[in-house]
Amino acid sequence: MIKHDWALENAKLNIEKWYPVIGTLEDLETTFFVLENKLPQFFKGIAKLYFEELKGNFRLLPMRIRKLI
């Protein structure tokens, strides 16, 4: 096995072993949804908190986000 192949496979194994959720800023809504459902003891209500506190202007949010709040 080539070194970079080994490194990639090792990285994938570490992600599966140590990280229960991987999210992206580009799709933050989905990341919040996954966090709320996979780890509710830590992230229950995170989407509502984020979009109410940080976005401020409710009417500018996409309709699908308004339905979550």
Protein backbone atom coordinates (compact mmCIF):
# COMPACT_ATOMS: atom_id res chain seq x y z
CA MET A 1 0.00 0.00 0.00
CA ILE A 2 1.28 3.46 -0.89
CA LYS A 3 1.84 5.84 2.03
CA HIS A 4 -0.89 8.28 1.01
CA ASP A 5 -3.38 5.40 0.66
CA TRP A 6 -2.47 4.25 4.15
CA ALA A 7 -2.82 7.79 5.50
CA LEU A 8 -6.26 8.20 3.92
CA GLU A 9 -7.51 4.89 5.27
CA ASN A 10 -6.10 5.68 8.71
CA ALA A 11 -7.83 9.09 8.67
CA LYS A 12 -11.16 7.45 7.76
CA LEU A 13 -10.81 4.94 10.57
CA ASN A 14 -10.03 7.69 13.07
CA ILE A 15 -13.09 9.67 11.97
CA GLU A 16 -15.34 6.64 12.39
CA LYS A 17 -13.81 5.84 15.76
CA TRP A 18 -13.60 9.27 17.39
CA TYR A 19 -16.21 11.57 15.79
CA PRO A 20 -19.93 10.78 16.16
CA VAL A 21 -20.93 13.68 13.88
CA ILE A 22 -19.13 15.49 11.09
CA GLY A 23 -20.79 18.65 9.78
CA THR A 24 -20.05 21.54 7.48
CA LEU A 25 -20.62 25.27 7.70
CA GLU A 26 -21.90 25.23 4.13
CA ASP A 27 -24.84 23.10 5.27
CA LEU A 28 -25.20 24.28 8.83
CA GLU A 29 -28.93 23.53 9.05
CA THR A 30 -28.35 19.86 8.31
CA THR A 31 -25.45 19.77 10.74
CA PHE A 32 -27.73 21.14 13.47
CA PHE A 33 -30.43 18.61 12.60
CA VAL A 34 -27.97 15.72 12.87
CA LEU A 35 -26.50 17.04 16.13
CA GLU A 36 -29.96 17.48 17.67
CA ASN A 37 -30.96 13.95 16.73
CA LYS A 38 -27.71 12.09 17.33
CA LEU A 39 -26.66 13.88 20.54
CA PRO A 40 -29.83 15.46 21.98
CA GLN A 41 -28.44 15.53 25.52
CA PHE A 42 -25.95 18.16 24.34
CA PHE A 43 -27.58 19.84 21.34
CA LYS A 44 -31.35 19.89 21.91
CA GLY A 45 -32.66 23.20 20.56
CA ILE A 46 -29.37 24.28 18.97
CA ALA A 47 -30.98 25.31 15.67
CA LYS A 48 -33.58 27.43 17.41
CA LEU A 49 -30.98 29.07 19.61
CA TYR A 50 -28.65 29.78 16.70
CA PHE A 51 -31.24 31.18 14.35
CA GLU A 52 -32.99 33.26 17.02
CA GLU A 53 -29.86 34.66 18.66
CA LEU A 54 -27.39 35.00 15.81
CA LYS A 55 -29.57 35.66 12.81
CA GLY A 56 -31.77 38.21 14.53
CA ASN A 57 -34.01 39.04 11.58
CA PHE A 58 -36.50 36.16 11.44
CA ARG A 59 -38.21 37.23 8.22
CA LEU A 60 -34.98 36.88 6.24
CA LEU A 61 -34.56 33.21 7.16
CA PRO A 62 -35.52 30.55 4.61
CA MET A 63 -39.00 29.11 5.12
CA ARG A 64 -37.64 25.65 5.94
CA ILE A 65 -35.67 27.17 8.83
CA ARG A 66 -38.69 29.11 10.09
CA LYS A 67 -40.59 25.84 10.35
CA LEU A 68 -37.86 24.39 12.59
CA ILE A 69 -38.09 27.28 15.02
